[in-house]
Amino acid sequence: MSVALFAEQLLNGVQFGLMLFLMAAGLTLVFGVMGLINLAHGSLYMIGAFVCAAAAAAFGSFWLGLIAGLAAAAAAGALIELTVIRRLYDRDHLDQVLATFALILILSEGVRMIFGPFPLYLSVPDLLRGTVDLGITRYSLYRLALIGIGIAVAIGLWLLIAKTRLGIQIRAGESDREMIAALGVNIRWLYTVVFALGAALAGMAGALVGAIQSVQVGMGEPVLILAFVVIVIGGIGSIKGAMVGALLVGVIDTMGRFLLPRIFAAFLDPAQAMGVGAALASMLIYLLMALVLILRPRGLFPAHG
């Protein structure tokens, strides 16, 4: 195993983690502020990817597709909050789970009807094609750009939450929604904005990842499961926790799938080593989640200490 290959896989893990952060940040904001379990968050990721791919094909521009995907996911999120989610805030979590699971089915069939049953493919923009020499390895320019975009979004989100009036309202809503409503904040408007923001982040993640994998119905559900793992590890309602948890999950999952088959190849034949290594690698992040829940039940960086 070469150092260059190890470094490439490590960067892949960081890139995967930062895309997970875009999913998990929106999810943890929605759960932290609204106390809502939204299983349909992965469908917004899928909507962003499909609209981006379709718009890029129609207009011949990845960047117009990205803007369209982000806007479509945000608009879908706002519409869902206004028509469905708003009726669930005072209901118990089982009702929220059932309603948002129904949304998964509705949105999946809706996307299938609009875009067809076959996968769409989104090309990497010409500006970001090729590789970059990082000294120890050559790495995909597009994946490197995804890392940069993920870091930029994380910084922007932190500034939004920590330094703006809207961020103050969001943080206050996490602590005491009745009090900020009594102080004159339009809590319904705040909830719609937070939900649309979370949807936009999910749609951005889907659109960006769509250029390195096929865009297909149901693509958001596996990512949603990992996003839930991220917020359990990082701490519900915590942007810092979402970032740390996402990087841990991304790097551990990627490096586990890379290293474990090679480790077991010393004891087993290649086919068995690949199977055993892949199976154990898929368990690593859940073992990490279990360990965090045992040692720190509220996550590594809970929003309220």
C-alpha atoms as a PDB file:
ATOM      1  CA  MET A   1       0.000   0.000   0.000  1.00  0.00           C
ATOM      2  CA  SER A   2       1.518   3.309  -1.106  1.00  0.00           C
ATOM      3  CA  VAL A   3       1.460   6.578   0.807  1.00  0.00           C
ATOM      4  CA  ALA A   4      -0.166   8.244  -2.207  1.00  0.00           C
ATOM      5  CA  LEU A   5      -3.072   5.783  -2.184  1.00  0.00           C
ATOM      6  CA  PHE A   6      -3.512   6.167   1.584  1.00  0.00           C
ATOM      7  CA  ALA A   7      -3.550   9.972   1.272  1.00  0.00           C
ATOM      8  CA  GLU A   8      -6.064   9.816  -1.569  1.00  0.00           C
ATOM      9  CA  GLN A   9      -8.444   7.660   0.474  1.00  0.00           C
ATOM     10  CA  LEU A  10      -8.046   9.940   3.481  1.00  0.00           C
ATOM     11  CA  LEU A  11      -9.013  12.926   1.340  1.00  0.00           C
ATOM     12  CA  ASN A  12     -11.966  10.948  -0.001  1.00  0.00           C
ATOM     13  CA  GLY A  13     -13.059  10.405   3.594  1.00  0.00           C
ATOM     14  CA  VAL A  14     -12.807  14.126   4.361  1.00  0.00           C
ATOM     15  CA  GLN A  15     -14.782  14.959   1.210  1.00  0.00           C
ATOM     16  CA  PHE A  16     -17.455  12.393   2.092  1.00  0.00           C
ATOM     17  CA  GLY A  17     -17.608  13.738   5.634  1.00  0.00           C
ATOM     18  CA  LEU A  18     -18.100  17.326   4.491  1.00  0.00           C
ATOM     19  CA  MET A  19     -20.957  16.319   2.197  1.00  0.00           C
ATOM     20  CA  LEU A  20     -22.482  14.460   5.148  1.00  0.00           C
ATOM     21  CA  PHE A  21     -22.097  17.659   7.146  1.00  0.00           C
ATOM     22  CA  LEU A  22     -24.323  19.512   4.667  1.00  0.00           C
ATOM     23  CA  MET A  23     -27.014  16.889   5.272  1.00  0.00           C
ATOM     24  CA  ALA A  24     -26.523  16.646   9.013  1.00  0.00           C
ATOM     25  CA  ALA A  25     -26.348  20.412   9.630  1.00  0.00           C
ATOM     26  CA  GLY A  26     -29.838  20.933   8.226  1.00  0.00           C
ATOM     27  CA  LEU A  27     -31.167  17.907  10.051  1.00  0.00           C
ATOM     28  CA  THR A  28     -29.731  18.965  13.406  1.00  0.00           C
ATOM     29  CA  LEU A  29     -31.057  22.515  12.992  1.00  0.00           C
ATOM     30  CA  VAL A  30     -34.565  21.217  12.296  1.00  0.00           C
ATOM     31  CA  PHE A  31     -34.473  18.792  15.205  1.00  0.00           C
ATOM     32  CA  GLY A  32     -32.783  21.242  17.559  1.00  0.00           C
ATOM     33  CA  VAL A  33     -35.091  24.189  16.874  1.00  0.00           C
ATOM     34  CA  MET A  34     -38.365  22.393  16.153  1.00  0.00           C
ATOM     35  CA  GLY A  35     -37.936  19.110  17.991  1.00  0.00           C
ATOM     36  CA  LEU A  36     -39.039  17.428  14.764  1.00  0.00           C
ATOM     37  CA  ILE A  37     -37.875  14.050  13.469  1.00  0.00           C
ATOM     38  CA  ASN A  38     -37.822  14.526   9.694  1.00  0.00           C
ATOM     39  CA  LEU A  39     -37.305  11.261   7.830  1.00  0.00           C
ATOM     40  CA  ALA A  40     -38.007  13.066   4.538  1.00  0.00           C
ATOM     41  CA  HIS A  41     -34.768  15.056   4.728  1.00  0.00           C
ATOM     42  CA  GLY A  42     -33.103  12.537   2.393  1.00  0.00           C
ATOM     43  CA  SER A  43     -35.816  13.182  -0.204  1.00  0.00           C
ATOM     44  CA  LEU A  44     -34.768  16.848  -0.316  1.00  0.00           C
ATOM     45  CA  TYR A  45     -31.213  15.650  -1.042  1.00  0.00           C
ATOM     46  CA  MET A  46     -32.671  13.613  -3.917  1.00  0.00           C
ATOM     47  CA  ILE A  47     -34.702  16.564  -5.232  1.00  0.00           C
ATOM     48  CA  GLY A  48     -31.604  18.770  -5.295  1.00  0.00           C
ATOM     49  CA  ALA A  49     -29.686  16.131  -7.267  1.00  0.00           C
ATOM     50  CA  PHE A  50     -32.463  15.480  -9.809  1.00  0.00           C
ATOM     51  CA  VAL A  51     -33.253  19.148 -10.462  1.00  0.00           C
ATOM     52  CA  CYS A  52     -29.537  19.947 -10.782  1.00  0.00           C
ATOM     53  CA  ALA A  53     -29.001  17.119 -13.290  1.00  0.00           C
ATOM     54  CA  ALA A  54     -32.091  18.018 -15.322  1.00  0.00           C
ATOM     55  CA  ALA A  55     -31.356  21.772 -15.339  1.00  0.00           C
ATOM     56  CA  ALA A  56     -27.676  21.206 -16.215  1.00  0.00           C
ATOM     57  CA  ALA A  57     -28.744  19.060 -19.177  1.00  0.00           C
ATOM     58  CA  ALA A  58     -31.344  21.619 -20.280  1.00  0.00           C
ATOM     59  CA  PHE A  59     -29.152  24.735 -19.998  1.00  0.00           C
ATOM     60  CA  GLY A  60     -25.746  23.163 -20.595  1.00  0.00           C
ATOM     61  CA  SER A  61     -24.326  24.576 -17.365  1.00  0.00           C
ATOM     62  CA  PHE A  62     -23.496  22.717 -14.160  1.00  0.00           C
ATOM     63  CA  TRP A  63     -23.567  25.989 -12.203  1.00  0.00           C
ATOM     64  CA  LEU A  64     -27.083  26.894 -13.333  1.00  0.00           C
ATOM     65  CA  GLY A  65     -28.078  23.342 -12.443  1.00  0.00           C
ATOM     66  CA  LEU A  66     -26.550  23.726  -8.978  1.00  0.00           C
ATOM     67  CA  ILE A  67     -28.457  26.963  -8.367  1.00  0.00           C
ATOM     68  CA  ALA A  68     -31.667  25.359  -9.641  1.00  0.00           C
ATOM     69  CA  GLY A  69     -31.173  22.288  -7.445  1.00  0.00           C
ATOM     70  CA  LEU A  70     -30.522  24.357  -4.344  1.00  0.00           C
ATOM     71  CA  ALA A  71     -33.514  26.614  -5.027  1.00  0.00           C
ATOM     72  CA  ALA A  72     -35.812  23.658  -5.755  1.00  0.00           C
ATOM     73  CA  ALA A  73     -34.849  21.894  -2.522  1.00  0.00           C
ATOM     74  CA  ALA A  74     -35.350  25.093  -0.496  1.00  0.00           C
ATOM     75  CA  ALA A  75     -38.737  25.731  -2.138  1.00  0.00           C
ATOM     76  CA  ALA A  76     -39.797  22.111  -1.606  1.00  0.00           C
ATOM     77  CA  GLY A  77     -38.721  22.349   2.032  1.00  0.00           C
ATOM     78  CA  ALA A  78     -40.691  25.565   2.603  1.00  0.00           C
ATOM     79  CA  LEU A  79     -43.771  24.083   0.910  1.00  0.00           C
ATOM     80  CA  ILE A  80     -43.547  20.882   2.951  1.00  0.00           C
ATOM     81  CA  GLU A  81     -43.199  22.869   6.175  1.00  0.00           C
ATOM     82  CA  LEU A  82     -46.198  25.063   5.358  1.00  0.00           C
ATOM     83  CA  THR A  83     -48.502  22.245   4.273  1.00  0.00           C
ATOM     84  CA  VAL A  84     -47.480  19.215   6.359  1.00  0.00           C
ATOM     85  CA  ILE A  85     -44.783  19.787   8.972  1.00  0.00           C
ATOM     86  CA  ARG A  86     -46.558  22.755  10.601  1.00  0.00           C
ATOM     87  CA  ARG A  87     -49.301  20.381  11.734  1.00  0.00           C
ATOM     88  CA  LEU A  88     -46.833  18.050  13.455  1.00  0.00           C
ATOM     89  CA  TYR A  89     -45.035  20.289  15.961  1.00  0.00           C
ATOM     90  CA  ASP A  90     -47.409  19.526  18.811  1.00  0.00           C
ATOM     91  CA  ARG A  91     -47.772  15.844  17.931  1.00  0.00           C
ATOM     92  CA  ASP A  92     -45.664  13.076  19.424  1.00  0.00           C
ATOM     93  CA  HIS A  93     -42.595  11.722  17.654  1.00  0.00           C
ATOM     94  CA  LEU A  94     -44.401   8.629  16.354  1.00  0.00           C
ATOM     95  CA  ASP A  95     -46.810  10.837  14.389  1.00  0.00           C
ATOM     96  CA  GLN A  96     -43.844  12.798  13.027  1.00  0.00           C
ATOM     97  CA  VAL A  97     -42.076   9.609  11.965  1.00  0.00           C
ATOM     98  CA  LEU A  98     -45.185   8.221  10.225  1.00  0.00           C
ATOM     99  CA  ALA A  99     -45.990  11.494   8.454  1.00  0.00           C
ATOM    100  CA  THR A 100     -42.455  12.121   7.225  1.00  0.00           C
ATOM    101  CA  PHE A 101     -42.104   8.477   6.154  1.00  0.00           C
ATOM    102  CA  ALA A 102     -45.243   8.979   4.065  1.00  0.00           C
ATOM    103  CA  LEU A 103     -43.539  12.040   2.554  1.00  0.00           C
ATOM    104  CA  ILE A 104     -40.615   9.830   1.488  1.00  0.00           C
ATOM    105  CA  LEU A 105     -42.990   7.611  -0.495  1.00  0.00           C
ATOM    106  CA  ILE A 106     -44.864  10.564  -2.007  1.00  0.00           C
ATOM    107  CA  LEU A 107     -41.730  12.446  -3.007  1.00  0.00           C
ATOM    108  CA  SER A 108     -40.025   9.345  -4.405  1.00  0.00           C
ATOM    109  CA  GLU A 109     -43.002   8.559  -6.630  1.00  0.00           C
ATOM    110  CA  GLY A 110     -43.335  12.222  -7.575  1.00  0.00           C
ATOM    111  CA  VAL A 111     -39.697  12.365  -8.685  1.00  0.00           C
ATOM    112  CA  ARG A 112     -40.143   9.092 -10.586  1.00  0.00           C
ATOM    113  CA  MET A 113     -43.178  10.519 -12.403  1.00  0.00           C
ATOM    114  CA  ILE A 114     -41.457  13.802 -13.310  1.00  0.00           C
ATOM    115  CA  PHE A 115     -37.948  12.617 -14.183  1.00  0.00           C
ATOM    116  CA  GLY A 116     -38.592   8.984 -15.118  1.00  0.00           C
ATOM    117  CA  PRO A 117     -37.494   5.695 -13.551  1.00  0.00           C
ATOM    118  CA  PHE A 118     -33.950   5.693 -14.934  1.00  0.00           C
ATOM    119  CA  PRO A 119     -30.884   7.284 -13.335  1.00  0.00           C
ATOM    120  CA  LEU A 120     -29.671  10.664 -14.549  1.00  0.00           C
ATOM    121  CA  TYR A 121     -26.009  11.531 -14.946  1.00  0.00           C
ATOM    122  CA  LEU A 122     -24.407  14.850 -14.139  1.00  0.00           C
ATOM    123  CA  SER A 123     -21.036  15.760 -15.611  1.00  0.00           C
ATOM    124  CA  VAL A 124     -18.279  17.459 -13.658  1.00  0.00           C
ATOM    125  CA  PRO A 125     -17.980  21.087 -14.864  1.00  0.00           C
ATOM    126  CA  ASP A 126     -15.121  21.742 -17.289  1.00  0.00           C
ATOM    127  CA  LEU A 127     -13.535  24.189 -14.840  1.00  0.00           C
ATOM    128  CA  LEU A 128     -13.078  21.423 -12.260  1.00  0.00           C
ATOM    129  CA  ARG A 129     -12.003  18.508 -14.442  1.00  0.00           C
ATOM    130  CA  GLY A 130      -8.648  16.810 -14.014  1.00  0.00           C
ATOM    131  CA  THR A 131      -6.364  16.385 -11.026  1.00  0.00           C
ATOM    132  CA  VAL A 132      -4.125  18.513  -8.838  1.00  0.00           C
ATOM    133  CA  ASP A 133      -0.603  17.593  -7.743  1.00  0.00           C
ATOM    134  CA  LEU A 134      -0.573  17.760  -3.933  1.00  0.00           C
ATOM    135  CA  GLY A 135       3.001  16.544  -3.617  1.00  0.00           C
ATOM    136  CA  ILE A 136       2.357  13.073  -2.213  1.00  0.00           C
ATOM    137  CA  THR A 137      -0.477  12.293  -4.610  1.00  0.00           C
ATOM    138  CA  ARG A 138      -2.505  13.634  -7.500  1.00  0.00           C
ATOM    139  CA  TYR A 139      -6.097  14.250  -6.443  1.00  0.00           C
ATOM    140  CA  SER A 140      -9.343  14.987  -8.260  1.00  0.00           C
ATOM    141  CA  LEU A 141      -9.824  18.739  -8.658  1.00  0.00           C
ATOM    142  CA  TYR A 142     -13.601  18.346  -8.329  1.00  0.00           C
ATOM    143  CA  ARG A 143     -13.363  16.409  -5.064  1.00  0.00           C
ATOM    144  CA  LEU A 144     -10.898  19.000  -3.780  1.00  0.00           C
ATOM    145  CA  ALA A 145     -13.439  21.689  -4.688  1.00  0.00           C
ATOM    146  CA  LEU A 146     -16.104  19.779  -2.740  1.00  0.00           C
ATOM    147  CA  ILE A 147     -13.842  19.893   0.315  1.00  0.00           C
ATOM    148  CA  GLY A 148     -13.415  23.643  -0.144  1.00  0.00           C
ATOM    149  CA  ILE A 149     -17.149  24.184  -0.622  1.00  0.00           C
ATOM    150  CA  GLY A 150     -17.943  22.119   2.468  1.00  0.00           C
ATOM    151  CA  ILE A 151     -15.512  24.143   4.593  1.00  0.00           C
ATOM    152  CA  ALA A 152     -16.849  27.432   3.190  1.00  0.00           C
ATOM    153  CA  VAL A 153     -20.454  26.437   3.921  1.00  0.00           C
ATOM    154  CA  ALA A 154     -19.495  25.362   7.449  1.00  0.00           C
ATOM    155  CA  ILE A 155     -17.863  28.748   8.115  1.00  0.00           C
ATOM    156  CA  GLY A 156     -20.831  30.594   6.589  1.00  0.00           C
ATOM    157  CA  LEU A 157     -23.298  28.586   8.649  1.00  0.00           C
ATOM    158  CA  TRP A 158     -21.333  29.248  11.832  1.00  0.00           C
ATOM    159  CA  LEU A 159     -21.296  32.988  11.068  1.00  0.00           C
ATOM    160  CA  LEU A 160     -25.038  32.898  10.382  1.00  0.00           C
ATOM    161  CA  ILE A 161     -25.822  31.146  13.655  1.00  0.00           C
ATOM    162  CA  ALA A 162     -23.311  33.018  15.826  1.00  0.00           C
ATOM    163  CA  LYS A 163     -23.240  36.532  14.389  1.00  0.00           C
ATOM    164  CA  THR A 164     -26.626  37.429  12.870  1.00  0.00           C
ATOM    165  CA  ARG A 165     -30.032  38.375  14.232  1.00  0.00           C
ATOM    166  CA  LEU A 166     -31.556  35.318  12.571  1.00  0.00           C
ATOM    167  CA  GLY A 167     -28.920  33.147  14.245  1.00  0.00           C
ATOM    168  CA  ILE A 168     -29.773  34.641  17.636  1.00  0.00           C
ATOM    169  CA  GLN A 169     -33.428  33.795  17.040  1.00  0.00           C
ATOM    170  CA  ILE A 170     -32.531  30.251  15.977  1.00  0.00           C
ATOM    171  CA  ARG A 171     -30.393  29.697  19.080  1.00  0.00           C
ATOM    172  CA  ALA A 172     -33.100  31.191  21.277  1.00  0.00           C
ATOM    173  CA  GLY A 173     -35.672  28.948  19.610  1.00  0.00           C
ATOM    174  CA  GLU A 174     -33.582  25.915  20.564  1.00  0.00           C
ATOM    175  CA  SER A 175     -33.604  27.028  24.213  1.00  0.00           C
ATOM    176  CA  ASP A 176     -37.126  28.412  24.743  1.00  0.00           C
ATOM    177  CA  ARG A 177     -39.479  28.778  21.809  1.00  0.00           C
ATOM    178  CA  GLU A 178     -42.362  30.056  23.996  1.00  0.00           C
ATOM    179  CA  MET A 179     -40.231  32.895  25.343  1.00  0.00           C
ATOM    180  CA  ILE A 180     -39.072  34.173  21.941  1.00  0.00           C
ATOM    181  CA  ALA A 181     -42.667  33.975  20.685  1.00  0.00           C
ATOM    182  CA  ALA A 182     -43.719  36.070  23.676  1.00  0.00           C
ATOM    183  CA  LEU A 183     -41.001  38.603  22.782  1.00  0.00           C
ATOM    184  CA  GLY A 184     -42.580  39.154  19.384  1.00  0.00           C
ATOM    185  CA  VAL A 185     -40.604  36.815  17.133  1.00  0.00           C
ATOM    186  CA  ASN A 186     -42.799  35.247  14.457  1.00  0.00           C
ATOM    187  CA  ILE A 187     -42.120  31.634  15.375  1.00  0.00           C
ATOM    188  CA  ARG A 188     -44.000  30.273  12.361  1.00  0.00           C
ATOM    189  CA  TRP A 189     -41.846  32.333   9.987  1.00  0.00           C
ATOM    190  CA  LEU A 190     -38.708  31.249  11.865  1.00  0.00           C
ATOM    191  CA  TYR A 191     -39.645  27.577  11.549  1.00  0.00           C
ATOM    192  CA  THR A 192     -40.269  27.947   7.797  1.00  0.00           C
ATOM    193  CA  VAL A 193     -36.902  29.687   7.302  1.00  0.00           C
ATOM    194  CA  VAL A 194     -35.024  27.058   9.327  1.00  0.00           C
ATOM    195  CA  PHE A 195     -36.703  24.199   7.466  1.00  0.00           C
ATOM    196  CA  ALA A 196     -36.013  25.806   4.076  1.00  0.00           C
ATOM    197  CA  LEU A 197     -32.375  26.411   5.075  1.00  0.00           C
ATOM    198  CA  GLY A 198     -31.953  22.780   6.078  1.00  0.00           C
ATOM    199  CA  ALA A 199     -33.599  21.679   2.823  1.00  0.00           C
ATOM    200  CA  ALA A 200     -31.280  23.937   0.798  1.00  0.00           C
ATOM    201  CA  LEU A 201     -28.207  22.405   2.467  1.00  0.00           C
ATOM    202  CA  ALA A 202     -29.492  18.900   1.709  1.00  0.00           C
ATOM    203  CA  GLY A 203     -30.251  19.870  -1.896  1.00  0.00           C
ATOM    204  CA  MET A 204     -26.776  21.353  -2.293  1.00  0.00           C
ATOM    205  CA  ALA A 205     -25.203  18.137  -1.037  1.00  0.00           C
ATOM    206  CA  GLY A 206     -27.278  16.063  -3.455  1.00  0.00           C
ATOM    207  CA  ALA A 207     -26.452  18.311  -6.407  1.00  0.00           C
ATOM    208  CA  LEU A 208     -22.714  18.312  -5.669  1.00  0.00           C
ATOM    209  CA  VAL A 209     -22.497  14.558  -5.105  1.00  0.00           C
ATOM    210  CA  GLY A 210     -24.595  13.922  -8.219  1.00  0.00           C
ATOM    211  CA  ALA A 211     -21.549  14.657 -10.375  1.00  0.00           C
ATOM    212  CA  ILE A 212     -19.577  11.732  -8.889  1.00  0.00           C
ATOM    213  CA  GLN A 213     -22.373   9.146  -8.748  1.00  0.00           C
ATOM    214  CA  SER A 214     -25.593   8.424 -10.592  1.00  0.00           C
ATOM    215  CA  VAL A 215     -28.685  10.422  -9.659  1.00  0.00           C
ATOM    216  CA  GLN A 216     -31.476   7.976  -8.873  1.00  0.00           C
ATOM    217  CA  VAL A 217     -34.681   7.607  -6.884  1.00  0.00           C
ATOM    218  CA  GLY A 218     -34.000   6.627  -3.285  1.00  0.00           C
ATOM    219  CA  MET A 219     -30.429   7.946  -3.263  1.00  0.00           C
ATOM    220  CA  GLY A 220     -31.111  10.085  -0.201  1.00  0.00           C
ATOM    221  CA  GLU A 221     -32.135   7.377   2.258  1.00  0.00           C
ATOM    222  CA  PRO A 222     -28.690   5.783   2.844  1.00  0.00           C
ATOM    223  CA  VAL A 223     -27.208   9.274   3.316  1.00  0.00           C
ATOM    224  CA  LEU A 224     -30.035  10.166   5.727  1.00  0.00           C
ATOM    225  CA  ILE A 225     -29.158   7.176   7.936  1.00  0.00           C
ATOM    226  CA  LEU A 226     -25.550   8.327   8.084  1.00  0.00           C
ATOM    227  CA  ALA A 227     -26.689  11.889   8.834  1.00  0.00           C
ATOM    228  CA  PHE A 228     -28.660  10.611  11.844  1.00  0.00           C
ATOM    229  CA  VAL A 229     -25.527   8.780  13.006  1.00  0.00           C
ATOM    230  CA  VAL A 230     -23.603  12.047  12.628  1.00  0.00           C
ATOM    231  CA  ILE A 231     -25.958  14.090  14.817  1.00  0.00           C
ATOM    232  CA  VAL A 232     -26.095  11.371  17.471  1.00  0.00           C
ATOM    233  CA  ILE A 233     -22.297  11.359  17.622  1.00  0.00           C
ATOM    234  CA  GLY A 234     -21.880  15.126  17.400  1.00  0.00           C
ATOM    235  CA  GLY A 235     -24.805  16.214  19.550  1.00  0.00           C
ATOM    236  CA  ILE A 236     -28.304  17.315  18.535  1.00  0.00           C
ATOM    237  CA  GLY A 237     -28.600  21.005  17.672  1.00  0.00           C
ATOM    238  CA  SER A 238     -24.852  21.580  17.482  1.00  0.00           C
ATOM    239  CA  ILE A 239     -23.254  22.792  14.232  1.00  0.00           C
ATOM    240  CA  LYS A 240     -19.800  22.102  15.693  1.00  0.00           C
ATOM    241  CA  GLY A 241     -20.948  18.610  16.653  1.00  0.00           C
ATOM    242  CA  ALA A 242     -22.344  18.036  13.161  1.00  0.00           C
ATOM    243  CA  MET A 243     -18.999  18.989  11.638  1.00  0.00           C
ATOM    244  CA  VAL A 244     -16.904  16.816  13.966  1.00  0.00           C
ATOM    245  CA  GLY A 245     -19.329  13.904  13.741  1.00  0.00           C
ATOM    246  CA  ALA A 246     -19.503  14.111   9.933  1.00  0.00           C
ATOM    247  CA  LEU A 247     -15.723  14.109   9.564  1.00  0.00           C
ATOM    248  CA  LEU A 248     -15.406  11.161  11.951  1.00  0.00           C
ATOM    249  CA  VAL A 249     -18.058   9.172  10.092  1.00  0.00           C
ATOM    250  CA  GLY A 250     -16.696  10.069   6.654  1.00  0.00           C
ATOM    251  CA  VAL A 251     -13.081   9.235   7.434  1.00  0.00           C
ATOM    252  CA  ILE A 252     -13.807   6.084   9.476  1.00  0.00           C
ATOM    253  CA  ASP A 253     -16.224   4.694   6.880  1.00  0.00           C
ATOM    254  CA  THR A 254     -13.915   5.413   3.921  1.00  0.00           C
ATOM    255  CA  MET A 255     -10.691   4.303   5.573  1.00  0.00           C
ATOM    256  CA  GLY A 256     -12.370   1.217   7.021  1.00  0.00           C
ATOM    257  CA  ARG A 257     -13.499   0.111   3.565  1.00  0.00           C
ATOM    258  CA  PHE A 258      -9.999   0.786   2.263  1.00  0.00           C
ATOM    259  CA  LEU A 259      -7.859  -0.732   5.043  1.00  0.00           C
ATOM    260  CA  LEU A 260      -9.804  -3.656   6.490  1.00  0.00           C
ATOM    261  CA  PRO A 261      -9.911  -5.805   3.305  1.00  0.00           C
ATOM    262  CA  ARG A 262      -6.147  -5.312   2.977  1.00  0.00           C
ATOM    263  CA  ILE A 263      -5.583  -6.301   6.601  1.00  0.00           C
ATOM    264  CA  PHE A 264      -7.668  -9.458   6.277  1.00  0.00           C
ATOM    265  CA  ALA A 265      -5.926 -10.320   3.001  1.00  0.00           C
ATOM    266  CA  ALA A 266      -2.957 -11.406   5.146  1.00  0.00           C
ATOM    267  CA  PHE A 267      -5.086 -14.209   6.691  1.00  0.00           C
ATOM    268  CA  LEU A 268      -7.787 -14.991   4.112  1.00  0.00           C
ATOM    269  CA  ASP A 269      -8.031 -15.416   0.371  1.00  0.00           C
ATOM    270  CA  PRO A 270      -8.762 -12.158  -1.514  1.00  0.00           C
ATOM    271  CA  ALA A 271     -12.493 -12.789  -2.044  1.00  0.00           C
ATOM    272  CA  GLN A 272     -13.100 -13.644   1.635  1.00  0.00           C
ATOM    273  CA  ALA A 273     -10.924 -10.751   2.793  1.00  0.00           C
ATOM    274  CA  MET A 274     -12.935  -8.331   0.661  1.00  0.00           C
ATOM    275  CA  GLY A 275     -16.255  -9.649   1.994  1.00  0.00           C
ATOM    276  CA  VAL A 276     -15.251  -9.733   5.662  1.00  0.00           C
ATOM    277  CA  GLY A 277     -13.448  -6.408   5.467  1.00  0.00           C
ATOM    278  CA  ALA A 278     -16.374  -4.654   3.791  1.00  0.00           C
ATOM    279  CA  ALA A 279     -18.840  -6.087   6.321  1.00  0.00           C
ATOM    280  CA  LEU A 280     -16.756  -4.975   9.297  1.00  0.00           C
ATOM    281  CA  ALA A 281     -16.120  -1.567   7.732  1.00  0.00           C
ATOM    282  CA  SER A 282     -19.851  -0.931   7.454  1.00  0.00           C
ATOM    283  CA  MET A 283     -20.169  -1.667  11.186  1.00  0.00           C
ATOM    284  CA  LEU A 284     -17.431   0.704  12.350  1.00  0.00           C
ATOM    285  CA  ILE A 285     -19.473   3.903  12.394  1.00  0.00           C
ATOM    286  CA  TYR A 286     -22.285   2.208  14.311  1.00  0.00           C
ATOM    287  CA  LEU A 287     -19.785   0.876  16.842  1.00  0.00           C
ATOM    288  CA  LEU A 288     -18.487   4.436  17.174  1.00  0.00           C
ATOM    289  CA  MET A 289     -22.037   5.699  17.705  1.00  0.00           C
ATOM    290  CA  ALA A 290     -22.643   3.065  20.387  1.00  0.00           C
ATOM    291  CA  LEU A 291     -19.404   4.013  22.150  1.00  0.00           C
ATOM    292  CA  VAL A 292     -20.321   7.711  22.113  1.00  0.00           C
ATOM    293  CA  LEU A 293     -23.804   6.946  23.467  1.00  0.00           C
ATOM    294  CA  ILE A 294     -22.274   4.943  26.324  1.00  0.00           C
ATOM    295  CA  LEU A 295     -19.671   7.565  27.255  1.00  0.00           C
ATOM    296  CA  ARG A 296     -21.505  10.774  26.285  1.00  0.00           C
ATOM    297  CA  PRO A 297     -25.227  10.086  25.788  1.00  0.00           C
ATOM    298  CA  ARG A 298     -25.890  13.659  24.566  1.00  0.00           C
ATOM    299  CA  GLY A 299     -23.119  13.530  21.976  1.00  0.00           C
ATOM    300  CA  LEU A 300     -19.621  14.948  21.810  1.00  0.00           C
ATOM    301  CA  PHE A 301     -20.701  18.589  21.557  1.00  0.00           C
ATOM    302  CA  PRO A 302     -24.342  18.938  22.718  1.00  0.00           C
ATOM    303  CA  ALA A 303     -25.927  22.293  21.944  1.00  0.00           C
ATOM    304  CA  HIS A 304     -26.709  23.043  25.603  1.00  0.00           C
ATOM    305  CA  GLY A 305     -23.717  21.740  27.471  1.00  0.00           C
END
